[in-house]
C-alpha atoms as a PDB file:
ATOM      1  CA  TRP A   1      13.113   4.296  -1.165  1.00  0.00           C
ATOM      2  CA  GLU A   2      14.864   3.463  -4.421  1.00  0.00           C
ATOM      3  CA  LYS A   3      18.040   5.247  -3.299  1.00  0.00           C
ATOM      4  CA  TYR A   4      18.538   3.227  -0.099  1.00  0.00           C
ATOM      5  CA  GLY A   5      16.805  -0.081  -0.639  1.00  0.00           C
ATOM      6  CA  ALA A   6      15.829  -2.713  -3.099  1.00  0.00           C
ATOM      7  CA  ALA A   7      12.627  -0.868  -3.976  1.00  0.00           C
ATOM      8  CA  ASP A   8      11.150  -0.063  -7.338  1.00  0.00           C
ATOM      9  CA  VAL A   9       8.615   2.775  -7.084  1.00  0.00           C
ATOM     10  CA  ILE A  10       5.807   1.973  -9.502  1.00  0.00           C
ATOM     11  CA  ASN A  11       3.639   4.968  -8.637  1.00  0.00           C
ATOM     12  CA  HIS A  12       4.146   7.849  -6.239  1.00  0.00           C
ATOM     13  CA  ASP A  13       0.816   8.136  -4.447  1.00  0.00           C
ATOM     14  CA  ALA A  14      -2.038   7.000  -6.684  1.00  0.00           C
ATOM     15  CA  PRO A  15      -1.453   3.428  -7.866  1.00  0.00           C
ATOM     16  CA  MET A  16      -4.157   1.317  -9.429  1.00  0.00           C
ATOM     17  CA  ILE A  17      -4.959  -1.943  -7.670  1.00  0.00           C
ATOM     18  CA  THR A  18      -6.573  -4.882  -9.410  1.00  0.00           C
ATOM     19  CA  CYS A  19      -7.432  -8.441  -8.455  1.00  0.00           C
ATOM     20  CA  CYS A  20      -6.809 -11.429 -10.711  1.00  0.00           C
ATOM     21  CA  ASN A  21      -7.451 -15.002  -9.590  1.00  0.00           C
ATOM     22  CA  GLY A  22      -7.603 -13.921  -5.938  1.00  0.00           C
ATOM     23  CA  ARG A  23      -4.223 -12.096  -6.049  1.00  0.00           C
ATOM     24  CA  PHE A  24      -3.964  -8.304  -5.834  1.00  0.00           C
ATOM     25  CA  TYR A  25      -1.638  -6.326  -8.105  1.00  0.00           C
ATOM     26  CA  CYS A  26      -0.394  -2.734  -8.055  1.00  0.00           C
ATOM     27  CA  HIS A  27      -0.046  -0.867 -11.360  1.00  0.00           C
ATOM     28  CA  GLY A  28       1.571   2.417 -12.248  1.00  0.00           C
ATOM     29  CA  ASN A  29      -0.673   4.943 -13.962  1.00  0.00           C
ATOM     30  CA  PRO A  30      -0.167   8.428 -15.411  1.00  0.00           C
ATOM     31  CA  TRP A  31      -2.440   9.930 -12.740  1.00  0.00           C
ATOM     32  CA  SER A  32       0.282   9.518 -10.142  1.00  0.00           C
ATOM     33  CA  GLY A  33      -0.801  12.331  -7.817  1.00  0.00           C
ATOM     34  CA  SER A  34       1.292  15.302  -6.758  1.00  0.00           C
ATOM     35  CA  VAL A  35       4.549  13.983  -8.246  1.00  0.00           C
ATOM     36  CA  ASP A  36       4.909  12.776 -11.828  1.00  0.00           C
ATOM     37  CA  CYS A  37       6.372   9.403 -10.871  1.00  0.00           C
ATOM     38  CA  TYR A  38       4.971   6.237 -12.400  1.00  0.00           C
ATOM     39  CA  LYS A  39       6.104   3.234 -14.400  1.00  0.00           C
ATOM     40  CA  GLN A  40       4.077   1.159 -16.841  1.00  0.00           C
ATOM     41  CA  THR A  41       4.506  -2.045 -14.901  1.00  0.00           C
ATOM     42  CA  SER A  42       2.783  -4.046 -12.207  1.00  0.00           C
ATOM     43  CA  SER A  43       3.693  -6.081  -9.159  1.00  0.00           C
ATOM     44  CA  PRO A  44       1.889  -8.404  -6.744  1.00  0.00           C
ATOM     45  CA  VAL A  45       0.837  -6.670  -3.516  1.00  0.00           C
ATOM     46  CA  ASP A  46       2.236  -8.455  -0.461  1.00  0.00           C
ATOM     47  CA  TYR A  47       1.391  -5.648   1.989  1.00  0.00           C
ATOM     48  CA  LEU A  48       0.362  -1.988   1.922  1.00  0.00           C
ATOM     49  CA  LEU A  49       1.920   0.885   3.850  1.00  0.00           C
ATOM     50  CA  ALA A  50       0.231   4.132   4.823  1.00  0.00           C
ATOM     51  CA  LEU A  51       3.277   6.408   5.088  1.00  0.00           C
ATOM     52  CA  SER A  52       3.693   9.520   7.215  1.00  0.00           C
ATOM     53  CA  HIS A  53       6.615  11.496   8.612  1.00  0.00           C
ATOM     54  CA  GLY A  54       7.427  10.541  12.182  1.00  0.00           C
ATOM     55  CA  GLN A  55       9.812  11.384  15.008  1.00  0.00           C
ATOM     56  CA  GLU A  56      11.053   7.796  14.788  1.00  0.00           C
ATOM     57  CA  ASN A  57      10.532   4.767  12.559  1.00  0.00           C
ATOM     58  CA  ARG A  58       7.417   3.045  13.829  1.00  0.00           C
ATOM     59  CA  LEU A  59       5.435   0.371  11.979  1.00  0.00           C
ATOM     60  CA  MET A  60       1.938  -0.294  13.316  1.00  0.00           C
ATOM     61  CA  PRO A  61      -0.489  -2.889  11.925  1.00  0.00           C
ATOM     62  CA  LEU A  62      -3.871  -1.524  10.865  1.00  0.00           C
ATOM     63  CA  ASP A  63      -6.955  -3.453  11.878  1.00  0.00           C
ATOM     64  CA  GLU A  64      -9.564  -4.132   9.222  1.00  0.00           C
ATOM     65  CA  LYS A  65     -11.687  -1.072  10.084  1.00  0.00           C
ATOM     66  CA  ALA A  66      -8.717   1.339  10.046  1.00  0.00           C
ATOM     67  CA  ALA A  67      -7.393  -0.237   6.836  1.00  0.00           C
ATOM     68  CA  LEU A  68     -10.758   0.141   5.093  1.00  0.00           C
ATOM     69  CA  ARG A  69     -11.043   3.764   6.270  1.00  0.00           C
ATOM     70  CA  PHE A  70      -7.579   4.472   4.869  1.00  0.00           C
ATOM     71  CA  MET A  71      -8.410   2.823   1.536  1.00  0.00           C
ATOM     72  CA  LEU A  72     -11.656   4.768   1.181  1.00  0.00           C
ATOM     73  CA  THR A  73     -10.028   8.127   1.951  1.00  0.00           C
ATOM     74  CA  GLN A  74      -7.280   7.462  -0.606  1.00  0.00           C
ATOM     75  CA  SER A  75      -9.546   6.306  -3.411  1.00  0.00           C
ATOM     76  CA  LEU A  76      -9.686   8.407  -6.569  1.00  0.00           C
ATOM     77  CA  VAL A  77     -12.759   6.593  -7.832  1.00  0.00           C
ATOM     78  CA  ARG A  78     -15.661   8.839  -8.860  1.00  0.00           C
ATOM     79  CA  LEU A  79     -18.861   7.013  -8.034  1.00  0.00           C
ATOM     80  CA  GLN A  80     -22.142   7.623  -9.804  1.00  0.00           C
ATOM     81  CA  THR A  81     -24.542   5.337  -7.950  1.00  0.00           C
ATOM     82  CA  ASP A  82     -25.098   3.586  -4.628  1.00  0.00           C
ATOM     83  CA  GLU A  83     -24.391   0.307  -6.432  1.00  0.00           C
ATOM     84  CA  ASP A  84     -20.972   1.649  -7.458  1.00  0.00           C
ATOM     85  CA  MET A  85     -20.224   2.519  -3.833  1.00  0.00           C
ATOM     86  CA  ALA A  86     -21.340  -0.923  -2.645  1.00  0.00           C
ATOM     87  CA  LEU A  87     -19.073  -2.601  -5.208  1.00  0.00           C
ATOM     88  CA  LEU A  88     -16.119  -0.390  -4.243  1.00  0.00           C
ATOM     89  CA  VAL A  89     -16.571  -1.152  -0.539  1.00  0.00           C
ATOM     90  CA  GLU A  90     -16.954  -4.880  -1.244  1.00  0.00           C
ATOM     91  CA  ASN A  91     -13.717  -4.946  -3.245  1.00  0.00           C
ATOM     92  CA  MET A  92     -11.843  -2.886  -0.650  1.00  0.00           C
ATOM     93  CA  GLN A  93     -13.084  -5.167   2.132  1.00  0.00           C
ATOM     94  CA  ARG A  94     -11.741  -8.153   0.217  1.00  0.00           C
ATOM     95  CA  PHE A  95      -8.408  -6.332  -0.164  1.00  0.00           C
ATOM     96  CA  VAL A  96      -8.048  -5.467   3.540  1.00  0.00           C
ATOM     97  CA  GLN A  97      -9.021  -9.022   4.524  1.00  0.00           C
ATOM     98  CA  THR A  98      -6.329 -10.421   2.216  1.00  0.00           C
ATOM     99  CA  VAL A  99      -3.416  -7.959   2.303  1.00  0.00           C
ATOM    100  CA  PRO A 100      -1.677  -6.944   5.557  1.00  0.00           C
ATOM    101  CA  MET A 101      -1.720  -3.167   6.021  1.00  0.00           C
ATOM    102  CA  PHE A 102       0.449  -0.985   8.228  1.00  0.00           C
ATOM    103  CA  HIS A 103       0.818   2.658   9.170  1.00  0.00           C
ATOM    104  CA  TYR A 104       4.509   3.505   8.899  1.00  0.00           C
ATOM    105  CA  ALA A 105       5.533   6.733  10.599  1.00  0.00           C
ATOM    106  CA  CYS A 106       9.136   7.163   9.560  1.00  0.00           C
ATOM    107  CA  LEU A 107      12.097   9.466   9.334  1.00  0.00           C
ATOM    108  CA  PRO A 108      12.951  10.835   5.865  1.00  0.00           C
ATOM    109  CA  ASN A 109      16.303   9.022   5.680  1.00  0.00           C
ATOM    110  CA  ARG A 110      17.881   5.633   5.017  1.00  0.00           C
ATOM    111  CA  SER A 111      17.025   4.327   8.503  1.00  0.00           C
ATOM    112  CA  ALA A 112      13.363   4.150   7.435  1.00  0.00           C
ATOM    113  CA  VAL A 113      14.250   1.734   4.636  1.00  0.00           C
ATOM    114  CA  TYR A 114      16.461  -0.449   6.829  1.00  0.00           C
ATOM    115  CA  THR A 115      13.890  -0.571   9.644  1.00  0.00           C
ATOM    116  CA  LEU A 116      11.187  -1.636   7.212  1.00  0.00           C
ATOM    117  CA  GLN A 117      13.403  -4.228   5.522  1.00  0.00           C
ATOM    118  CA  ASN A 118      14.313  -5.728   8.904  1.00  0.00           C
ATOM    119  CA  HIS A 119      10.676  -5.925   9.944  1.00  0.00           C
ATOM    120  CA  LEU A 120       9.512  -7.489   6.684  1.00  0.00           C
ATOM    121  CA  THR A 121      12.406  -9.982   6.679  1.00  0.00           C
ATOM    122  CA  SER A 122      11.517 -11.061  10.219  1.00  0.00           C
ATOM    123  CA  GLN A 123       7.823 -11.375   9.198  1.00  0.00           C
ATOM    124  CA  GLU A 124       8.775 -13.576   6.227  1.00  0.00           C
ATOM    125  CA  ASP A 125      10.973 -15.739   8.466  1.00  0.00           C
ATOM    126  CA  THR A 126       8.044 -16.166  10.869  1.00  0.00           C
ATOM    127  CA  HIS A 127       5.630 -17.116   8.051  1.00  0.00           C
ATOM    128  CA  HIS A 128       8.051 -19.640   6.521  1.00  0.00           C
ATOM    129  CA  ALA A 129       9.057 -21.298   9.794  1.00  0.00           C
END
């Protein structure tokens, strides 16, 4: 993503997400998953992508239920009580109701970056019109 586009990878596959004043932020952390790739920085979250390899570049919006399922399966949080689980689900529900989420099945080449950039640019144009 960094090689072909104007992307700055903060964390490979295990970012931390926080909420401050109703705005969600992504943070790099040293528990970055299978690849040691993180930066000690943060950025506002405008959308979230669930990435997978595909036969073509295809971006599909996730409905709230699918988005919440994805978030829960990707969570690294270790819960001790039912109250902890309720709080986690409440916060994730707020996230999926606020932040657009997509499944992006894509090719492992530069066309994936350009396809995504074109889609997001057209979305921004639609929102600002």
